[in-house]
Amino acid sequence: MPARPSPPGGHSRSSTCSEGQLNDTPSLFAECPLPGCTYPVDDPRWPCGECEAALAGYIRPSAQLVTAEEATAMLADRDAAVAAIYAERRTMAPLAELAEATSTARPGPQAQPPTAARAAAARDASPEYKRNQLCWVCEGRRACRLDTDHSGRWICRTCEAIT
């Protein structure tokens, strides 16, 4: 049977289950130990060939020798901790500041949005300046914002005032 080509630019998660269902079938091989990659590997202590090629300069053998079973247990603990955090985040209550502001707010001009909402509104209203961008007018490295008149170019405050 010919191998199915993977999509360009990354790993594909091939599954016979529809979206939202879990595949509980045990695998003959361990999955790649790098988060997000589900390619099979024969040694759970070392990444799959694609991850190894993509991260060749960053991966090195550990000085601490562990067995394959210990590595599998450590990876299962890591994945369980991440899954628990994701589950907790899905059930988190809104921030106390937001709940407090909405419960005591009265309609009319005296009602003020919470501090975080005011900060977000101010950020959206004014253009965001990023440091160390190359201004297209003076060609200097400054704190610039994206120029709306020239897409993809940065302009500093000084040049913006001049133009």
N, C-alpha and C. Protein backbone atom coordinates (compact mmCIF):
# COMPACT_ATOMS: atom_id res chain seq x y z
N MET A 1 0.85 -1.17 0.00
CA MET A 1 0.00 0.00 0.00
C MET A 1 0.90 1.24 0.00
N PRO A 2 0.70 2.18 -0.92
CA PRO A 2 1.57 3.36 -0.97
C PRO A 2 1.32 4.27 0.22
N ALA A 3 2.39 4.94 0.62
CA ALA A 3 2.28 5.85 1.76
C ALA A 3 1.51 7.10 1.37
N ARG A 4 0.73 7.61 2.30
CA ARG A 4 -0.05 8.82 2.05
C ARG A 4 0.85 10.02 2.22
N PRO A 5 0.91 10.92 1.25
CA PRO A 5 1.80 12.08 1.38
C PRO A 5 1.30 13.01 2.47
N SER A 6 2.25 13.60 3.20
CA SER A 6 1.87 14.56 4.24
C SER A 6 1.71 15.93 3.62
N PRO A 7 0.87 16.78 4.21
CA PRO A 7 0.67 18.11 3.64
C PRO A 7 1.93 18.94 3.78
N PRO A 8 2.14 19.90 2.88
CA PRO A 8 3.35 20.71 2.96
C PRO A 8 3.35 21.55 4.23
N GLY A 9 4.54 21.67 4.83
CA GLY A 9 4.70 22.57 5.96
C GLY A 9 4.46 21.96 7.32
N GLY A 10 4.27 20.68 7.43
CA GLY A 10 4.13 20.16 8.78
C GLY A 10 3.59 18.76 8.84
N HIS A 11 3.36 18.34 10.07
CA HIS A 11 2.86 17.00 10.32
C HIS A 11 1.36 16.98 10.12
N SER A 12 0.88 15.83 9.75
CA SER A 12 -0.57 15.67 9.67
C SER A 12 -0.99 14.64 10.71
N ARG A 13 -2.12 14.86 11.28
CA ARG A 13 -2.64 13.91 12.27
C ARG A 13 -3.67 13.07 11.53
N SER A 14 -3.25 11.88 11.13
CA SER A 14 -4.18 11.01 10.42
C SER A 14 -4.96 10.20 11.43
N SER A 15 -6.26 10.18 11.26
CA SER A 15 -7.11 9.46 12.19
C SER A 15 -8.36 9.00 11.45
N THR A 16 -8.86 7.85 11.85
CA THR A 16 -10.09 7.37 11.24
C THR A 16 -11.29 7.87 12.01
N CYS A 17 -11.07 8.53 13.15
CA CYS A 17 -12.17 9.04 13.96
C CYS A 17 -12.59 10.41 13.45
N SER A 18 -13.86 10.70 13.64
CA SER A 18 -14.32 12.04 13.26
C SER A 18 -13.87 13.05 14.30
N GLU A 19 -13.97 14.32 13.96
CA GLU A 19 -13.54 15.40 14.86
C GLU A 19 -14.29 15.31 16.17
N GLY A 20 -13.59 15.41 17.28
CA GLY A 20 -14.23 15.38 18.58
C GLY A 20 -14.22 14.00 19.24
N GLN A 21 -13.95 12.95 18.50
CA GLN A 21 -13.89 11.61 19.08
C GLN A 21 -12.44 11.27 19.38
N LEU A 22 -12.24 10.44 20.38
CA LEU A 22 -10.90 10.00 20.72
C LEU A 22 -10.68 8.59 20.21
N ASN A 23 -9.48 8.34 19.78
CA ASN A 23 -9.10 7.02 19.32
C ASN A 23 -8.43 6.31 20.48
N ASP A 24 -9.10 5.33 21.09
CA ASP A 24 -8.59 4.63 22.24
C ASP A 24 -7.85 3.35 21.88
N THR A 25 -7.61 3.12 20.61
CA THR A 25 -6.92 1.92 20.18
C THR A 25 -5.45 2.02 20.58
N PRO A 26 -4.92 1.02 21.28
CA PRO A 26 -3.50 1.09 21.66
C PRO A 26 -2.61 1.00 20.42
N SER A 27 -1.50 1.71 20.47
CA SER A 27 -0.58 1.76 19.35
C SER A 27 0.55 0.77 19.56
N LEU A 28 1.09 0.26 18.47
CA LEU A 28 2.25 -0.63 18.56
C LEU A 28 3.52 0.16 18.86
N PHE A 29 3.53 1.44 18.50
CA PHE A 29 4.70 2.28 18.68
C PHE A 29 4.35 3.46 19.59
N ALA A 30 5.37 3.98 20.23
CA ALA A 30 5.19 5.20 21.03
C ALA A 30 5.11 6.39 20.09
N GLU A 31 4.49 7.48 20.57
CA GLU A 31 4.43 8.70 19.78
C GLU A 31 5.70 9.51 19.99
N CYS A 32 5.98 10.38 19.06
CA CYS A 32 7.12 11.29 19.16
C CYS A 32 7.01 12.06 20.47
N PRO A 33 8.10 12.21 21.23
CA PRO A 33 8.02 12.87 22.53
C PRO A 33 7.83 14.38 22.45
N LEU A 34 7.95 14.99 21.28
CA LEU A 34 7.77 16.43 21.17
C LEU A 34 6.29 16.77 21.14
N PRO A 35 5.87 17.76 21.92
CA PRO A 35 4.44 18.11 21.98
C PRO A 35 3.90 18.49 20.61
N GLY A 36 2.71 17.98 20.30
CA GLY A 36 2.05 18.31 19.04
C GLY A 36 2.34 17.33 17.92
N CYS A 37 3.36 16.52 18.05
CA CYS A 37 3.70 15.55 17.00
C CYS A 37 3.20 14.18 17.42
N THR A 38 2.49 13.51 16.53
CA THR A 38 1.95 12.19 16.85
C THR A 38 2.55 11.09 15.98
N TYR A 39 3.66 11.37 15.32
CA TYR A 39 4.29 10.34 14.50
C TYR A 39 4.82 9.22 15.39
N PRO A 40 4.77 7.98 14.91
CA PRO A 40 5.28 6.87 15.71
C PRO A 40 6.81 6.84 15.72
N VAL A 41 7.35 6.42 16.85
CA VAL A 41 8.80 6.25 17.00
C VAL A 41 9.06 4.91 17.66
N ASP A 42 10.22 4.34 17.41
CA ASP A 42 10.54 3.07 18.05
C ASP A 42 11.15 3.28 19.44
N ASP A 43 11.71 4.45 19.70
CA ASP A 43 12.29 4.77 21.00
C ASP A 43 11.63 6.04 21.53
N PRO A 44 10.86 5.97 22.63
CA PRO A 44 10.15 7.16 23.12
C PRO A 44 11.08 8.23 23.68
N ARG A 45 12.37 7.96 23.74
CA ARG A 45 13.32 8.95 24.25
C ARG A 45 13.86 9.86 23.15
N TRP A 46 13.56 9.54 21.88
CA TRP A 46 14.13 10.31 20.77
C TRP A 46 13.02 10.68 19.79
N PRO A 47 13.04 11.89 19.22
CA PRO A 47 11.94 12.32 18.33
C PRO A 47 11.93 11.58 17.00
N CYS A 48 10.83 11.76 16.29
CA CYS A 48 10.69 11.14 14.97
C CYS A 48 11.68 11.78 13.99
N GLY A 49 11.80 11.21 12.83
CA GLY A 49 12.75 11.70 11.84
C GLY A 49 12.50 13.12 11.39
N GLU A 50 11.22 13.49 11.20
CA GLU A 50 10.90 14.84 10.75
C GLU A 50 11.23 15.88 11.81
N CYS A 51 10.89 15.59 13.07
CA CYS A 51 11.21 16.52 14.15
C CYS A 51 12.72 16.61 14.35
N GLU A 52 13.39 15.51 14.22
CA GLU A 52 14.85 15.51 14.36
C GLU A 52 15.49 16.34 13.25
N ALA A 53 14.98 16.23 12.04
CA ALA A 53 15.53 17.02 10.94
C ALA A 53 15.21 18.51 11.12
N ALA A 54 14.00 18.82 11.58
CA ALA A 54 13.61 20.22 11.75
C ALA A 54 14.35 20.88 12.90
N LEU A 55 14.68 20.11 13.94
CA LEU A 55 15.31 20.67 15.13
C LEU A 55 16.72 20.13 15.33
N ALA A 56 17.42 19.85 14.24
CA ALA A 56 18.71 19.17 14.32
C ALA A 56 19.72 19.88 15.21
N GLY A 57 19.78 21.19 15.18
CA GLY A 57 20.76 21.91 15.98
C GLY A 57 20.38 22.07 17.43
N TYR A 58 19.15 21.71 17.80
CA TYR A 58 18.67 21.96 19.15
C TYR A 58 18.51 20.69 19.98
N ILE A 59 18.51 19.54 19.35
CA ILE A 59 18.28 18.28 20.06
C ILE A 59 19.62 17.61 20.34
N ARG A 60 19.78 17.17 21.57
CA ARG A 60 20.98 16.43 21.94
C ARG A 60 20.60 15.35 22.95
N PRO A 61 21.36 14.30 23.03
CA PRO A 61 21.05 13.24 23.99
C PRO A 61 21.19 13.76 25.42
N SER A 62 20.39 13.21 26.29
CA SER A 62 20.41 13.61 27.69
C SER A 62 21.61 12.97 28.39
N ALA A 63 22.17 13.69 29.35
CA ALA A 63 23.26 13.14 30.14
C ALA A 63 22.73 12.12 31.14
N GLN A 64 21.46 12.25 31.49
CA GLN A 64 20.82 11.33 32.44
C GLN A 64 20.23 10.16 31.65
N LEU A 65 20.71 8.96 31.91
CA LEU A 65 20.21 7.79 31.20
C LEU A 65 18.91 7.33 31.84
N VAL A 66 17.86 7.20 31.03
CA VAL A 66 16.58 6.68 31.50
C VAL A 66 16.17 5.55 30.57
N THR A 67 15.41 4.63 31.11
CA THR A 67 14.92 3.53 30.29
C THR A 67 13.73 4.03 29.46
N ALA A 68 13.35 3.25 28.49
CA ALA A 68 12.21 3.61 27.64
C ALA A 68 10.93 3.69 28.47
N GLU A 69 10.79 2.79 29.44
CA GLU A 69 9.59 2.80 30.29
C GLU A 69 9.54 4.06 31.16
N GLU A 70 10.70 4.48 31.71
CA GLU A 70 10.75 5.70 32.51
C GLU A 70 10.43 6.92 31.65
N ALA A 71 10.97 6.93 30.43
CA ALA A 71 10.69 8.05 29.52
C ALA A 71 9.22 8.12 29.18
N THR A 72 8.60 6.97 28.93
CA THR A 72 7.17 6.93 28.62
C THR A 72 6.35 7.42 29.81
N ALA A 73 6.74 7.04 31.02
CA ALA A 73 6.03 7.48 32.22
C ALA A 73 6.19 8.99 32.42
N MET A 74 7.39 9.53 32.19
CA MET A 74 7.62 10.97 32.34
C MET A 74 6.79 11.75 31.31
N LEU A 75 6.74 11.25 30.09
CA LEU A 75 5.95 11.93 29.05
C LEU A 75 4.46 11.86 29.37
N ALA A 76 4.00 10.73 29.91
CA ALA A 76 2.59 10.61 30.29
C ALA A 76 2.25 11.58 31.42
N ASP A 77 3.17 11.73 32.39
CA ASP A 77 2.95 12.70 33.47
C ASP A 77 2.89 14.12 32.92
N ARG A 78 3.80 14.45 31.99
CA ARG A 78 3.80 15.78 31.37
C ARG A 78 2.49 16.04 30.63
N ASP A 79 2.05 15.07 29.84
CA ASP A 79 0.83 15.24 29.07
C ASP A 79 -0.40 15.33 29.98
N ALA A 80 -0.40 14.57 31.07
CA ALA A 80 -1.53 14.62 32.00
C ALA A 80 -1.59 15.98 32.69
N ALA A 81 -0.43 16.53 33.05
CA ALA A 81 -0.40 17.86 33.69
C ALA A 81 -0.91 18.93 32.74
N VAL A 82 -0.51 18.86 31.49
CA VAL A 82 -0.98 19.84 30.49
C VAL A 82 -2.48 19.69 30.26
N ALA A 83 -2.96 18.46 30.16
CA ALA A 83 -4.39 18.23 29.97
C ALA A 83 -5.19 18.75 31.16
N ALA A 84 -4.66 18.59 32.38
CA ALA A 84 -5.35 19.10 33.57
C ALA A 84 -5.42 20.62 33.55
N ILE A 85 -4.35 21.27 33.14
CA ILE A 85 -4.36 22.74 33.06
C ILE A 85 -5.35 23.21 32.01
N TYR A 86 -5.38 22.55 30.85
CA TYR A 86 -6.36 22.92 29.81
C TYR A 86 -7.78 22.73 30.32
N ALA A 87 -8.04 21.64 31.03
CA ALA A 87 -9.38 21.40 31.57
C ALA A 87 -9.75 22.47 32.58
N GLU A 88 -8.79 22.87 33.41
CA GLU A 88 -9.05 23.92 34.40
C GLU A 88 -9.35 25.25 33.72
N ARG A 89 -8.62 25.56 32.66
CA ARG A 89 -8.84 26.82 31.95
C ARG A 89 -10.20 26.85 31.27
N ARG A 90 -10.68 25.70 30.82
CA ARG A 90 -12.01 25.67 30.19
C ARG A 90 -13.12 25.94 31.18
N THR A 91 -12.88 25.65 32.46
CA THR A 91 -13.92 25.83 33.47
C THR A 91 -13.68 27.05 34.35
N MET A 92 -12.72 27.88 34.02
CA MET A 92 -12.40 29.04 34.86
C MET A 92 -13.53 30.05 34.85
N ALA A 93 -13.73 30.68 36.00
CA ALA A 93 -14.71 31.75 36.14
C ALA A 93 -14.10 33.03 35.59
N PRO A 94 -14.92 34.01 35.21
CA PRO A 94 -14.37 35.27 34.72
C PRO A 94 -13.57 35.97 35.82
N LEU A 95 -12.72 36.89 35.41
CA LEU A 95 -11.91 37.64 36.36
C LEU A 95 -12.81 38.35 37.37
N ALA A 96 -12.35 38.42 38.61
CA ALA A 96 -13.14 39.07 39.66
C ALA A 96 -13.40 40.53 39.31
N GLU A 97 -12.41 41.18 38.69
CA GLU A 97 -12.56 42.59 38.31
C GLU A 97 -13.72 42.78 37.34
N LEU A 98 -13.84 41.88 36.37
CA LEU A 98 -14.93 41.98 35.39
C LEU A 98 -16.27 41.66 36.03
N ALA A 99 -16.33 40.63 36.88
CA ALA A 99 -17.58 40.26 37.53
C ALA A 99 -18.04 41.36 38.47
N GLU A 100 -17.09 41.96 39.19
CA GLU A 100 -17.43 43.03 40.13
C GLU A 100 -17.94 44.27 39.39
N ALA A 101 -17.31 44.61 38.27
CA ALA A 101 -17.70 45.80 37.52
C ALA A 101 -19.08 45.63 36.89
N THR A 102 -19.40 44.44 36.41
CA THR A 102 -20.69 44.25 35.77
C THR A 102 -21.82 44.14 36.77
N SER A 103 -21.53 43.66 37.99
CA SER A 103 -22.61 43.52 38.97
C SER A 103 -22.97 44.85 39.61
N THR A 104 -22.02 45.78 39.75
CA THR A 104 -22.29 47.06 40.40
C THR A 104 -22.50 48.19 39.42
N ALA A 105 -22.32 47.95 38.15
CA ALA A 105 -22.42 49.04 37.17
C ALA A 105 -23.87 49.46 36.99
N ARG A 106 -24.07 50.75 36.96
CA ARG A 106 -25.41 51.30 36.70
C ARG A 106 -25.39 51.92 35.31
N PRO A 107 -26.49 51.89 34.61
CA PRO A 107 -26.50 52.48 33.28
C PRO A 107 -26.32 53.99 33.39
N GLY A 108 -25.70 54.54 32.36
CA GLY A 108 -25.51 55.98 32.34
C GLY A 108 -24.04 56.34 32.27
N PRO A 109 -23.74 57.63 32.27
CA PRO A 109 -22.36 58.06 32.10
C PRO A 109 -21.47 57.75 33.30
N GLN A 110 -22.02 57.51 34.50
CA GLN A 110 -21.19 57.25 35.66
C GLN A 110 -20.63 55.83 35.66
N ALA A 111 -21.22 54.92 34.89
CA ALA A 111 -20.72 53.55 34.84
C ALA A 111 -19.41 53.52 34.07
N GLN A 112 -18.37 52.99 34.68
CA GLN A 112 -17.06 52.92 34.06
C GLN A 112 -16.71 51.46 33.77
N PRO A 113 -16.14 51.19 32.61
CA PRO A 113 -15.69 49.83 32.35
C PRO A 113 -14.51 49.50 33.25
N PRO A 114 -14.25 48.22 33.51
CA PRO A 114 -13.12 47.84 34.35
C PRO A 114 -11.80 48.30 33.73
N THR A 115 -10.77 48.34 34.55
CA THR A 115 -9.46 48.83 34.13
C THR A 115 -8.93 48.08 32.91
N ALA A 116 -9.04 46.76 32.90
CA ALA A 116 -8.53 45.97 31.78
C ALA A 116 -9.26 46.32 30.49
N ALA A 117 -10.57 46.52 30.58
CA ALA A 117 -11.34 46.87 29.39
C ALA A 117 -10.97 48.27 28.90
N ARG A 118 -10.72 49.21 29.84
CA ARG A 118 -10.30 50.55 29.42
C ARG A 118 -8.94 50.51 28.75
N ALA A 119 -8.04 49.71 29.29
CA ALA A 119 -6.70 49.60 28.69
C ALA A 119 -6.79 48.99 27.30
N ALA A 120 -7.62 47.98 27.12
CA ALA A 120 -7.77 47.36 25.80
C ALA A 120 -8.39 48.34 24.82
N ALA A 121 -9.35 49.12 25.26
CA ALA A 121 -9.98 50.10 24.37
C ALA A 121 -8.97 51.17 23.97
N ALA A 122 -8.13 51.62 24.91
CA ALA A 122 -7.12 52.63 24.59
C ALA A 122 -6.09 52.06 23.62
N ARG A 123 -5.75 50.79 23.78
CA ARG A 123 -4.80 50.16 22.88
C ARG A 123 -5.36 50.08 21.46
N ASP A 124 -6.65 49.75 21.36
CA ASP A 124 -7.28 49.64 20.05
C ASP A 124 -7.47 51.00 19.40
N ALA A 125 -7.68 52.04 20.20
CA ALA A 125 -7.93 53.37 19.65
C ALA A 125 -6.64 54.01 19.13
N SER A 126 -5.52 53.79 19.80
CA SER A 126 -4.27 54.40 19.35
C SER A 126 -3.43 53.35 18.64
N PRO A 127 -2.63 53.77 17.66
CA PRO A 127 -1.81 52.80 16.94
C PRO A 127 -0.71 52.24 17.85
N GLU A 128 -0.37 51.00 17.63
CA GLU A 128 0.64 50.34 18.45
C GLU A 128 2.02 50.58 17.85
N TYR A 129 2.91 51.09 18.66
CA TYR A 129 4.29 51.33 18.24
C TYR A 129 5.16 50.19 18.72
N LYS A 130 6.03 49.71 17.83
CA LYS A 130 6.97 48.65 18.18
C LYS A 130 8.38 49.21 18.09
N ARG A 131 9.20 48.83 19.06
CA ARG A 131 10.59 49.29 19.06
C ARG A 131 11.41 48.62 17.98
N ASN A 132 12.50 49.29 17.61
CA ASN A 132 13.52 48.75 16.72
C ASN A 132 12.99 48.38 15.34
N GLN A 133 12.06 49.17 14.84
CA GLN A 133 11.56 48.98 13.48
C GLN A 133 12.24 49.98 12.56
N LEU A 134 12.39 49.65 11.32
CA LEU A 134 13.06 50.51 10.36
C LEU A 134 12.03 51.45 9.72
N CYS A 135 12.14 52.74 10.03
CA CYS A 135 11.22 53.74 9.48
C CYS A 135 11.50 53.89 7.99
N TRP A 136 10.47 53.86 7.18
CA TRP A 136 10.67 53.93 5.74
C TRP A 136 10.99 55.35 5.29
N VAL A 137 10.73 56.37 6.10
CA VAL A 137 11.01 57.75 5.71
C VAL A 137 12.45 58.12 6.05
N CYS A 138 12.81 58.03 7.33
CA CYS A 138 14.16 58.45 7.74
C CYS A 138 15.16 57.30 7.75
N GLU A 139 14.69 56.06 7.54
CA GLU A 139 15.51 54.86 7.50
C GLU A 139 16.29 54.65 8.79
N GLY A 140 15.75 55.13 9.90
CA GLY A 140 16.37 54.91 11.20
C GLY A 140 15.61 53.86 11.97
N ARG A 141 16.29 53.24 12.91
CA ARG A 141 15.65 52.24 13.77
C ARG A 141 15.05 52.96 14.95
N ARG A 142 13.74 52.96 15.04
CA ARG A 142 13.02 53.68 16.08
C ARG A 142 11.78 52.90 16.49
N ALA A 143 11.05 53.47 17.44
CA ALA A 143 9.74 52.93 17.78
C ALA A 143 8.77 53.41 16.70
N CYS A 144 8.25 52.50 15.93
CA CYS A 144 7.40 52.84 14.79
C CYS A 144 6.07 52.12 14.87
N ARG A 145 5.12 52.56 14.06
CA ARG A 145 3.85 51.89 13.90
C ARG A 145 3.68 51.58 12.42
N LEU A 146 2.79 50.66 12.12
CA LEU A 146 2.51 50.36 10.72
C LEU A 146 1.83 51.55 10.09
N ASP A 147 2.32 51.97 8.93
CA ASP A 147 1.77 53.12 8.23
C ASP A 147 0.54 52.66 7.45
N THR A 148 -0.60 53.27 7.73
CA THR A 148 -1.84 52.86 7.06
C THR A 148 -1.86 53.29 5.61
N ASP A 149 -1.12 54.33 5.26
CA ASP A 149 -1.09 54.80 3.87
C ASP A 149 -0.17 53.95 3.00
N HIS A 150 0.82 53.34 3.59
CA HIS A 150 1.78 52.51 2.85
C HIS A 150 1.82 51.15 3.53
N SER A 151 1.09 50.20 3.00
CA SER A 151 0.95 48.90 3.66
C SER A 151 2.29 48.19 3.80
N GLY A 152 2.49 47.62 4.98
CA GLY A 152 3.70 46.85 5.23
C GLY A 152 4.91 47.67 5.60
N ARG A 153 4.79 49.00 5.65
CA ARG A 153 5.92 49.85 6.00
C ARG A 153 5.71 50.44 7.38
N TRP A 154 6.83 50.74 8.05
CA TRP A 154 6.80 51.30 9.40
C TRP A 154 7.15 52.78 9.34
N ILE A 155 6.54 53.58 10.22
CA ILE A 155 6.82 55.00 10.28
C ILE A 155 6.94 55.41 11.75
N CYS A 156 7.95 56.26 12.05
CA CYS A 156 8.16 56.71 13.43
C CYS A 156 7.31 57.95 13.71
N ARG A 157 7.24 58.34 14.98
CA ARG A 157 6.42 59.50 15.37
C ARG A 157 6.93 60.78 14.73
N THR A 158 8.26 60.96 14.67
CA THR A 158 8.82 62.18 14.10
C THR A 158 8.46 62.33 12.64
N CYS A 159 8.64 61.27 11.87
CA CYS A 159 8.34 61.32 10.44
C CYS A 159 6.82 61.41 10.21
N GLU A 160 6.05 60.81 11.11
CA GLU A 160 4.61 60.89 10.99
C GLU A 160 4.14 62.33 11.16
N ALA A 161 4.78 63.07 12.06
CA ALA A 161 4.42 64.47 12.27
C ALA A 161 4.82 65.34 11.08
N ILE A 162 5.88 64.98 10.41
CA ILE A 162 6.35 65.75 9.26
C ILE A 162 5.49 65.49 8.03
N THR A 163 5.13 64.22 7.80
CA THR A 163 4.39 63.89 6.57
C THR A 163 2.92 64.13 6.69
